[in-house]
Amino acid sequence: MKYVVILGDGMADEPLEQLGLKTPLEVANKPTIDKLSMKGELGLVSTIPKGMSPGSDTANLSVMGYNPKKYYTGRSPLEAISMKISMKDTDICFRCNVVTLSEEEVYDDKVILDHSSDEITSEEAKELIIYIEKNFGNEIMHFYPGVSYRHALIWEGGSVQVNLTPPHDILGKRIGDYLPKGDGAQEIYHMMKTSYELLNNHPVNLRRKEKGLKPANSIWIWGEGKKPVLPSFEEKYILKGSMISAVDLLKGIAIAAKMESIDIEGATGTLNTNYEGKASACIDALDRGQDFVYLHVEAPDECGHRGELENKIKAIEALDAKIVTPIVAALEEKRVDFRILILPDHPTPIALRTHTSNPVPYILYDSTLNKNSGFTYTEKNGANTGIHCTQGHLLMDYLLEKTNKVI
């Protein structure tokens, strides 16, 4: 038996007036996903434990089978692992976005216009982060360039007793209401404020403005955490697993769990990613002996954060046509028995442009069974089945046949 998880990050949503009170999942053309849903099991899963923030970090740990209440130590340390940053036990890691702020004279009155700076290229962002490191780096503090707008700050002897806000949670809002509080807050604020003065007229941003692109004119520090420790996925489930994702968070989870992390050329974490390359890599991994593949697509989440309804629908349709369809076709052609789990990690509603903790719909299709749910894949239909896995980290046990029921 082969096992596949296909995760469309943030693709669950809420009914929208623009869609006649339907969701993007309800209007998207996704024939293969709907076919698997109708022939398999459809239900809801709660991926965010009560009391925890609805981040992709906690949600994907849940889906991977790791209880966030036990294993979560922060988002950015998982990304640091993927970036091959060596962390000491005394280090604290922070996510460092390059964001687009509005141009009010007073820093606190500025507004976050874009948490991704028009999805800045990694090459442009690297130049900016190197400049930030030149200005702020010292014996205990260092900045590391990552992918697109996502970067890292390592602070030796830093503290997690600080209140920091994810930039994608406050798009369009005055930043003065969401400034750092707690240990080290004054230093973090100083670096963020000064970074605007350093970056707004940096040559990279002057070129971006000339092209009509948003400038990456400030850093935004958040996502504090300690060095993580996860048990090996192979030892936990007695299966060899691979991760396919464009984002460092998922790669870091895989590496921490001693899974294979597969890099795909042209995988960007945006709508214009290499879907076909991801699907081919999944099929190849299973062909060469891997038992389990976790394939993550970031695009629906990014479109949700940006409020791009049409693109979110396109991302769901691309997931169906360019990933689910070829993977299922290849497995069926090879006459391989397989179980496939399709779901988002959390909703990213277009109207809110940020994550929520609501349960998400999942499909579990087993090629050797015909459960015949009769339901197409939507949030409403997931709720109507009456099936609800309330402890999201146990859904993996159900997929991998370690238990015969969801809890």
Protein backbone atom coordinates (compact mmCIF):
# COMPACT_ATOMS: atom_id res chain seq x y z
CA MET A 1 0.00 0.00 0.00
CA LYS A 2 1.20 3.51 -0.90
CA TYR A 3 0.10 6.58 1.06
CA VAL A 4 -0.16 10.14 -0.27
CA VAL A 5 -1.20 13.39 1.40
CA ILE A 6 -2.01 16.27 -0.96
CA LEU A 7 -2.42 19.47 1.02
CA GLY A 8 -3.83 22.63 -0.56
CA ASP A 9 -2.70 25.21 1.98
CA GLY A 10 -5.57 27.47 3.08
CA MET A 11 -7.97 26.36 0.33
CA ALA A 12 -11.00 26.12 2.65
CA ASP A 13 -13.04 29.32 2.82
CA GLU A 14 -16.40 30.83 3.73
CA PRO A 15 -19.45 31.59 1.54
CA LEU A 16 -18.93 34.75 -0.49
CA GLU A 17 -21.54 37.10 -1.92
CA GLN A 18 -19.47 37.41 -5.11
CA LEU A 19 -19.99 33.66 -5.62
CA GLY A 20 -23.70 33.57 -4.76
CA LEU A 21 -22.92 32.56 -1.15
CA LYS A 22 -20.71 29.71 -2.33
CA THR A 23 -17.05 29.06 -1.48
CA PRO A 24 -14.11 28.79 -3.89
CA LEU A 25 -14.16 25.00 -3.34
CA GLU A 26 -17.82 24.90 -4.38
CA VAL A 27 -17.33 26.77 -7.66
CA ALA A 28 -13.90 25.45 -8.67
CA ASN A 29 -13.79 22.87 -11.47
CA LYS A 30 -12.12 19.91 -9.76
CA PRO A 31 -13.47 16.70 -11.32
CA THR A 32 -10.82 14.30 -9.99
CA ILE A 33 -11.01 15.58 -6.43
CA ASP A 34 -14.82 15.39 -6.53
CA LYS A 35 -14.66 11.85 -7.94
CA LEU A 36 -12.36 10.73 -5.12
CA SER A 37 -14.64 12.42 -2.60
CA MET A 38 -17.75 10.68 -3.92
CA LYS A 39 -16.04 7.27 -3.92
CA GLY A 40 -14.18 7.75 -0.65
CA GLU A 41 -14.79 9.16 2.80
CA LEU A 42 -15.54 12.83 3.34
CA GLY A 43 -15.49 14.50 6.74
CA LEU A 44 -14.13 17.36 8.81
CA VAL A 45 -10.89 17.55 10.77
CA SER A 46 -9.85 20.07 13.41
CA THR A 47 -6.18 20.72 12.79
CA ILE A 48 -5.73 23.56 15.31
CA PRO A 49 -5.76 22.53 18.98
CA LYS A 50 -7.85 24.74 21.24
CA GLY A 51 -5.87 27.71 22.54
CA MET A 52 -3.30 27.66 19.73
CA SER A 53 -3.00 30.12 16.85
CA PRO A 54 -4.22 28.92 13.44
CA GLY A 55 -0.84 28.91 11.73
CA SER A 56 0.42 26.66 8.97
CA ASP A 57 3.03 25.49 11.46
CA THR A 58 0.62 24.06 14.04
CA ALA A 59 -1.80 22.86 11.36
CA ASN A 60 0.77 20.98 9.29
CA LEU A 61 2.31 19.42 12.39
CA SER A 62 -1.19 18.12 13.16
CA VAL A 63 -1.70 16.71 9.69
CA MET A 64 1.75 15.11 9.85
CA GLY A 65 0.69 13.29 13.03
CA TYR A 66 2.65 15.38 15.54
CA ASN A 67 0.52 16.84 18.32
CA PRO A 68 1.33 20.59 18.33
CA LYS A 69 0.56 20.77 22.05
CA LYS A 70 3.55 18.49 22.57
CA TYR A 71 5.95 19.29 19.75
CA TYR A 72 5.42 22.91 18.71
CA THR A 73 8.33 25.19 19.65
CA GLY A 74 7.69 28.00 17.15
CA ARG A 75 7.45 28.45 13.40
CA SER A 76 10.73 30.02 12.43
CA PRO A 77 13.00 27.32 13.94
CA LEU A 78 11.41 24.80 11.58
CA GLU A 79 12.16 27.12 8.67
CA ALA A 80 15.72 27.59 9.93
CA ILE A 81 16.29 23.83 9.73
CA SER A 82 15.34 23.88 6.05
CA MET A 83 17.64 26.86 5.49
CA LYS A 84 20.50 24.78 6.99
CA ILE A 85 20.98 27.26 9.81
CA SER A 86 22.68 25.65 12.79
CA MET A 87 20.90 26.52 16.05
CA LYS A 88 22.27 26.18 19.56
CA ASP A 89 19.98 25.34 22.46
CA THR A 90 20.35 28.95 23.64
CA ASP A 91 19.35 30.43 20.28
CA ILE A 92 15.94 31.89 19.49
CA CYS A 93 14.88 32.05 15.87
CA PHE A 94 12.51 34.65 14.41
CA ARG A 95 10.88 34.87 11.00
CA CYS A 96 11.92 38.05 9.21
CA ASN A 97 9.60 39.05 6.37
CA VAL A 98 10.41 41.81 3.93
CA VAL A 99 7.10 43.66 3.66
CA THR A 100 5.61 46.64 1.86
CA LEU A 101 4.60 49.50 4.14
CA SER A 102 2.69 52.63 3.17
CA GLU A 103 4.48 55.97 3.14
CA GLU A 104 3.05 57.90 6.11
CA GLU A 105 5.75 60.06 7.70
CA VAL A 106 5.42 58.52 11.17
CA TYR A 107 6.47 54.84 11.21
CA ASP A 108 3.73 53.79 13.64
CA ASP A 109 1.06 55.23 11.32
CA LYS A 110 2.16 53.14 8.36
CA VAL A 111 0.01 50.28 7.07
CA ILE A 112 1.13 46.85 5.84
CA LEU A 113 0.14 46.83 2.18
CA ASP A 114 1.66 43.46 1.30
CA HIS A 115 3.25 40.82 3.55
CA SER A 116 5.14 39.38 0.54
CA SER A 117 6.23 42.58 -1.27
CA ASP A 118 4.57 41.49 -4.51
CA GLU A 119 6.13 38.04 -4.03
CA ILE A 120 9.63 39.46 -4.31
CA THR A 121 12.22 37.22 -5.96
CA SER A 122 14.69 35.39 -3.74
CA GLU A 123 17.58 37.07 -5.53
CA GLU A 124 16.27 40.59 -4.82
CA ALA A 125 15.41 39.75 -1.22
CA LYS A 126 18.83 38.20 -0.60
CA GLU A 127 20.48 41.50 -1.51
CA LEU A 128 18.21 43.32 0.96
CA ILE A 129 18.78 40.84 3.81
CA ILE A 130 22.56 40.98 3.32
CA TYR A 131 22.26 44.75 3.67
CA ILE A 132 20.17 44.33 6.83
CA GLU A 133 22.77 41.93 8.26
CA LYS A 134 25.50 44.47 7.49
CA ASN A 135 23.61 47.10 9.51
CA PHE A 136 22.15 45.03 12.36
CA GLY A 137 24.22 41.86 12.60
CA ASN A 138 26.52 41.51 15.60
CA GLU A 139 28.03 38.87 17.89
CA ILE A 140 24.65 37.58 19.11
CA MET A 141 22.31 38.47 16.25
CA HIS A 142 22.42 37.38 12.59
CA PHE A 143 20.04 37.62 9.61
CA TYR A 144 19.87 34.85 6.98
CA PRO A 145 18.31 35.11 3.50
CA GLY A 146 15.66 32.55 2.59
CA VAL A 147 13.05 32.18 -0.16
CA SER A 148 11.12 35.16 -1.59
CA TYR A 149 9.89 37.28 1.34
CA ARG A 150 10.65 34.67 4.05
CA HIS A 151 13.92 35.07 5.99
CA ALA A 152 15.38 34.36 9.43
CA LEU A 153 16.89 36.12 12.42
CA ILE A 154 18.90 34.09 14.94
CA TRP A 155 19.30 35.74 18.35
CA GLU A 156 21.68 34.02 20.77
CA GLY A 157 20.25 34.20 24.27
CA GLY A 158 17.03 35.75 22.99
CA SER A 159 13.62 35.23 24.56
CA VAL A 160 10.30 33.79 23.45
CA GLN A 161 8.53 35.90 26.08
CA VAL A 162 7.59 38.45 23.45
CA ASN A 163 4.32 39.28 21.70
CA LEU A 164 4.81 39.57 17.93
CA THR A 165 2.13 39.69 15.22
CA PRO A 166 2.27 37.86 11.85
CA PRO A 167 2.16 40.50 9.09
CA HIS A 168 -0.42 38.60 7.05
CA ASP A 169 -2.82 38.93 9.98
CA ILE A 170 -2.85 42.74 9.87
CA LEU A 171 -2.90 43.61 6.17
CA GLY A 172 -4.33 47.08 5.68
CA LYS A 173 -4.09 47.93 9.39
CA ARG A 174 -2.07 50.59 11.20
CA ILE A 175 1.11 48.91 12.46
CA GLY A 176 1.32 51.08 15.58
CA ASP A 177 -1.45 48.97 17.09
CA TYR A 178 0.58 45.76 16.61
CA LEU A 179 4.13 46.62 17.63
CA PRO A 180 6.35 44.23 19.64
CA LYS A 181 5.73 43.82 23.36
CA GLY A 182 7.74 41.89 25.95
CA ASP A 183 11.38 40.81 26.15
CA GLY A 184 13.57 42.42 23.51
CA ALA A 185 10.64 44.42 22.12
CA GLN A 186 12.57 47.70 22.06
CA GLU A 187 15.42 46.21 20.02
CA ILE A 188 13.04 44.50 17.60
CA TYR A 189 11.06 47.71 17.12
CA HIS A 190 14.26 49.69 16.56
CA MET A 191 15.40 47.30 13.82
CA MET A 192 12.01 47.29 12.11
CA LYS A 193 11.71 51.07 12.18
CA THR A 194 15.29 51.70 11.07
CA SER A 195 14.95 49.11 8.30
CA TYR A 196 12.40 51.34 6.57
CA GLU A 197 14.96 54.14 6.42
CA LEU A 198 17.53 51.70 5.04
CA LEU A 199 15.38 49.89 2.50
CA ASN A 200 12.86 52.35 1.11
CA ASN A 201 15.34 53.85 -1.35
CA HIS A 202 17.64 50.86 -1.70
CA PRO A 203 18.60 50.24 -5.35
CA VAL A 204 16.62 46.98 -5.37
CA ASN A 205 13.47 48.85 -4.39
CA LEU A 206 14.09 51.75 -6.74
CA ARG A 207 14.25 49.23 -9.60
CA ARG A 208 11.07 47.54 -8.35
CA LYS A 209 9.22 50.86 -8.24
CA GLU A 210 10.32 51.62 -11.81
CA LYS A 211 8.75 48.31 -12.87
CA GLY A 212 5.50 49.09 -11.06
CA LEU A 213 6.23 46.53 -8.31
CA LYS A 214 5.77 47.08 -4.60
CA PRO A 215 9.00 47.81 -2.72
CA ALA A 216 10.20 45.56 0.10
CA ASN A 217 10.73 48.63 2.25
CA SER A 218 10.76 47.20 5.79
CA ILE A 219 11.52 44.05 7.71
CA TRP A 220 8.85 42.59 9.99
CA ILE A 221 10.01 40.27 12.77
CA TRP A 222 7.71 37.58 14.21
CA GLY A 223 7.34 33.79 14.69
CA GLU A 224 9.75 33.37 17.61
CA GLY A 225 10.74 29.86 18.69
CA LYS A 226 13.30 27.46 20.11
CA LYS A 227 15.19 24.63 18.46
CA PRO A 228 12.64 21.87 17.70
CA VAL A 229 12.89 18.15 18.35
CA LEU A 230 10.58 15.76 16.48
CA PRO A 231 10.62 11.97 16.58
CA SER A 232 11.56 10.29 13.31
CA PHE A 233 8.59 9.78 10.98
CA GLU A 234 9.98 6.41 9.89
CA GLU A 235 10.37 5.20 13.46
CA LYS A 236 6.95 6.53 14.43
CA TYR A 237 5.06 4.93 11.53
CA ILE A 238 7.51 2.27 10.20
CA LEU A 239 7.25 3.89 6.78
CA LYS A 240 9.74 5.74 4.56
CA GLY A 241 8.41 9.21 3.80
CA SER A 242 9.14 12.15 1.51
CA MET A 243 8.07 15.80 1.60
CA ILE A 244 7.48 17.93 -1.50
CA SER A 245 7.01 21.64 -0.82
CA ALA A 246 8.31 25.01 -1.95
CA VAL A 247 8.30 26.56 1.53
CA ASP A 248 10.90 26.25 4.24
CA LEU A 249 8.34 25.56 6.98
CA LEU A 250 7.29 22.24 5.46
CA LYS A 251 10.81 21.33 4.44
CA GLY A 252 11.93 22.01 8.00
CA ILE A 253 9.23 19.78 9.47
CA ALA A 254 10.35 17.02 7.12
CA ILE A 255 14.03 17.38 7.95
CA ALA A 256 13.30 17.55 11.69
CA ALA A 257 11.30 14.32 11.30
CA LYS A 258 14.20 12.75 9.34
CA MET A 259 12.14 12.49 6.17
CA GLU A 260 13.42 13.05 2.66
CA SER A 261 12.78 16.64 1.52
CA ILE A 262 12.60 16.89 -2.26
CA ASP A 263 13.50 20.17 -3.97
CA ILE A 264 11.60 20.98 -7.16
CA GLU A 265 13.02 23.41 -9.70
CA GLY A 266 10.53 26.18 -10.32
CA ALA A 267 8.52 25.51 -7.15
CA THR A 268 7.75 28.97 -5.81
CA GLY A 269 4.98 28.77 -3.21
CA THR A 270 2.83 31.01 -5.44
CA LEU A 271 0.12 30.50 -8.08
CA ASN A 272 2.83 30.25 -10.75
CA THR A 273 4.59 27.22 -9.33
CA ASN A 274 5.80 24.01 -10.95
CA TYR A 275 2.75 21.83 -10.30
CA GLU A 276 3.78 19.24 -12.88
CA GLY A 277 7.24 18.92 -11.35
CA LYS A 278 5.74 18.27 -7.93
CA ALA A 279 3.41 15.58 -9.30
CA SER A 280 6.26 13.88 -11.17
CA ALA A 281 8.45 13.94 -8.08
CA CYS A 282 5.67 12.32 -6.04
CA ILE A 283 5.24 9.52 -8.56
CA ASP A 284 9.01 9.02 -8.79
CA ALA A 285 9.39 8.85 -5.01
CA LEU A 286 6.75 6.14 -4.76
CA ASP A 287 8.29 4.26 -7.71
CA ARG A 288 11.72 4.16 -6.04
CA GLY A 289 10.43 2.66 -2.83
CA GLN A 290 9.07 5.45 -0.64
CA ASP A 291 5.93 4.39 1.20
CA PHE A 292 4.54 7.84 1.91
CA VAL A 293 4.60 11.26 0.22
CA TYR A 294 3.34 14.55 1.65
CA LEU A 295 2.81 17.01 -1.21
CA HIS A 296 2.15 20.60 -0.12
CA VAL A 297 0.88 23.43 -2.35
CA GLU A 298 1.06 26.95 -0.93
CA ALA A 299 -0.79 28.81 -3.70
CA PRO A 300 -4.38 28.83 -2.32
CA ASP A 301 -3.14 30.29 0.96
CA GLU A 302 -1.14 33.04 -0.72
CA CYS A 303 -4.16 33.98 -2.85
CA GLY A 304 -6.32 34.04 0.28
CA HIS A 305 -3.90 36.39 2.05
CA ARG A 306 -3.81 38.67 -0.97
CA GLY A 307 -7.61 38.68 -1.31
CA GLU A 308 -7.38 37.30 -4.86
CA LEU A 309 -10.61 35.35 -5.30
CA GLU A 310 -10.19 34.47 -8.97
CA ASN A 311 -6.63 33.28 -8.39
CA LYS A 312 -7.64 31.18 -5.39
CA ILE A 313 -10.14 29.35 -7.58
CA LYS A 314 -7.44 28.91 -10.23
CA ALA A 315 -5.07 27.49 -7.60
CA ILE A 316 -7.64 24.88 -6.54
CA GLU A 317 -8.28 23.96 -10.17
CA ALA A 318 -4.53 23.65 -10.83
CA LEU A 319 -4.19 21.39 -7.78
CA ASP A 320 -6.84 19.11 -9.26
CA ALA A 321 -5.70 19.13 -12.88
CA LYS A 322 -1.93 19.23 -12.51
CA ILE A 323 -1.31 17.31 -9.28
CA VAL A 324 -4.19 15.09 -8.14
CA THR A 325 -5.19 13.90 -11.63
CA PRO A 326 -1.73 12.76 -12.84
CA ILE A 327 -0.81 11.17 -9.49
CA VAL A 328 -4.03 9.14 -9.32
CA ALA A 329 -3.74 8.19 -13.01
CA ALA A 330 -0.15 6.98 -12.54
CA LEU A 331 -1.00 4.88 -9.49
CA GLU A 332 -4.02 3.35 -11.19
CA GLU A 333 -2.03 2.61 -14.35
CA LYS A 334 0.65 0.86 -12.29
CA ARG A 335 -2.10 -1.09 -10.45
CA VAL A 336 -0.73 0.08 -7.11
CA ASP A 337 -2.96 -0.07 -4.03
CA PHE A 338 -3.03 3.38 -2.47
CA ARG A 339 -4.70 5.56 0.13
CA ILE A 340 -4.80 9.29 -0.54
CA LEU A 341 -5.70 12.09 1.86
CA ILE A 342 -6.67 15.48 0.38
CA LEU A 343 -7.27 18.50 2.60
CA PRO A 344 -6.21 22.03 3.54
CA ASP A 345 -4.31 22.71 6.73
CA HIS A 346 -6.66 25.54 7.75
CA PRO A 347 -9.06 27.98 6.07
CA THR A 348 -7.72 31.25 4.68
CA PRO A 349 -10.95 33.12 3.91
CA ILE A 350 -10.78 35.70 1.14
CA ALA A 351 -12.91 38.10 3.18
CA LEU A 352 -10.54 37.97 6.17
CA ARG A 353 -7.20 37.53 4.35
CA THR A 354 -5.86 35.51 7.28
CA HIS A 355 -6.19 32.04 8.84
CA THR A 356 -9.03 30.77 11.00
CA SER A 357 -9.27 27.79 13.34
CA ASN A 358 -12.42 26.31 11.77
CA PRO A 359 -12.44 22.59 10.91
CA VAL A 360 -11.52 21.77 7.31
CA PRO A 361 -12.95 19.13 4.95
CA TYR A 362 -10.86 16.06 4.18
CA ILE A 363 -11.11 13.25 1.66
CA LEU A 364 -9.72 9.82 2.41
CA TYR A 365 -9.82 7.60 -0.68
CA ASP A 366 -8.73 3.97 -0.61
CA SER A 367 -8.27 2.33 -4.02
CA THR A 368 -9.18 -1.07 -2.55
CA LEU A 369 -12.50 0.11 -1.10
CA ASN A 370 -15.62 1.90 -2.26
CA LYS A 371 -17.05 3.88 0.62
CA ASN A 372 -19.27 5.84 -1.76
CA SER A 373 -19.87 8.97 0.30
CA GLY A 374 -21.83 10.43 -2.60
CA PHE A 375 -20.60 13.93 -1.71
CA THR A 376 -18.51 16.29 -3.78
CA TYR A 377 -15.66 18.00 -1.97
CA THR A 378 -16.88 21.14 -0.22
CA GLU A 379 -16.87 22.56 3.29
CA LYS A 380 -20.65 22.19 3.59
CA ASN A 381 -20.65 18.58 2.42
CA GLY A 382 -17.84 17.74 4.82
CA ALA A 383 -19.98 19.00 7.68
CA ASN A 384 -23.08 17.20 6.39
CA THR A 385 -21.43 13.76 6.60
CA GLY A 386 -21.38 13.97 10.39
CA ILE A 387 -17.78 12.68 10.44
CA HIS A 388 -15.45 14.88 12.48
CA CYS A 389 -11.90 14.12 13.56
CA THR A 390 -11.61 16.46 16.53
CA GLN A 391 -7.97 15.61 17.25
CA GLY A 392 -6.25 16.44 14.01
CA HIS A 393 -2.93 14.81 14.84
CA LEU A 394 -4.71 11.41 14.93
CA LEU A 395 -5.90 11.63 11.31
CA MET A 396 -2.50 10.39 10.14
CA ASP A 397 -2.99 7.19 12.16
CA TYR A 398 -6.30 6.73 10.34
CA LEU A 399 -4.73 7.29 6.91
CA LEU A 400 -1.89 4.88 7.66
CA GLU A 401 -4.28 2.22 9.01
CA LYS A 402 -2.96 2.37 12.56
CA THR A 403 -6.57 2.79 13.68
CA ASN A 404 -9.90 2.02 12.01
CA LYS A 405 -11.78 5.15 13.11
CA VAL A 406 -11.36 8.89 13.47
CA ILE A 407 -11.58 10.52 16.89
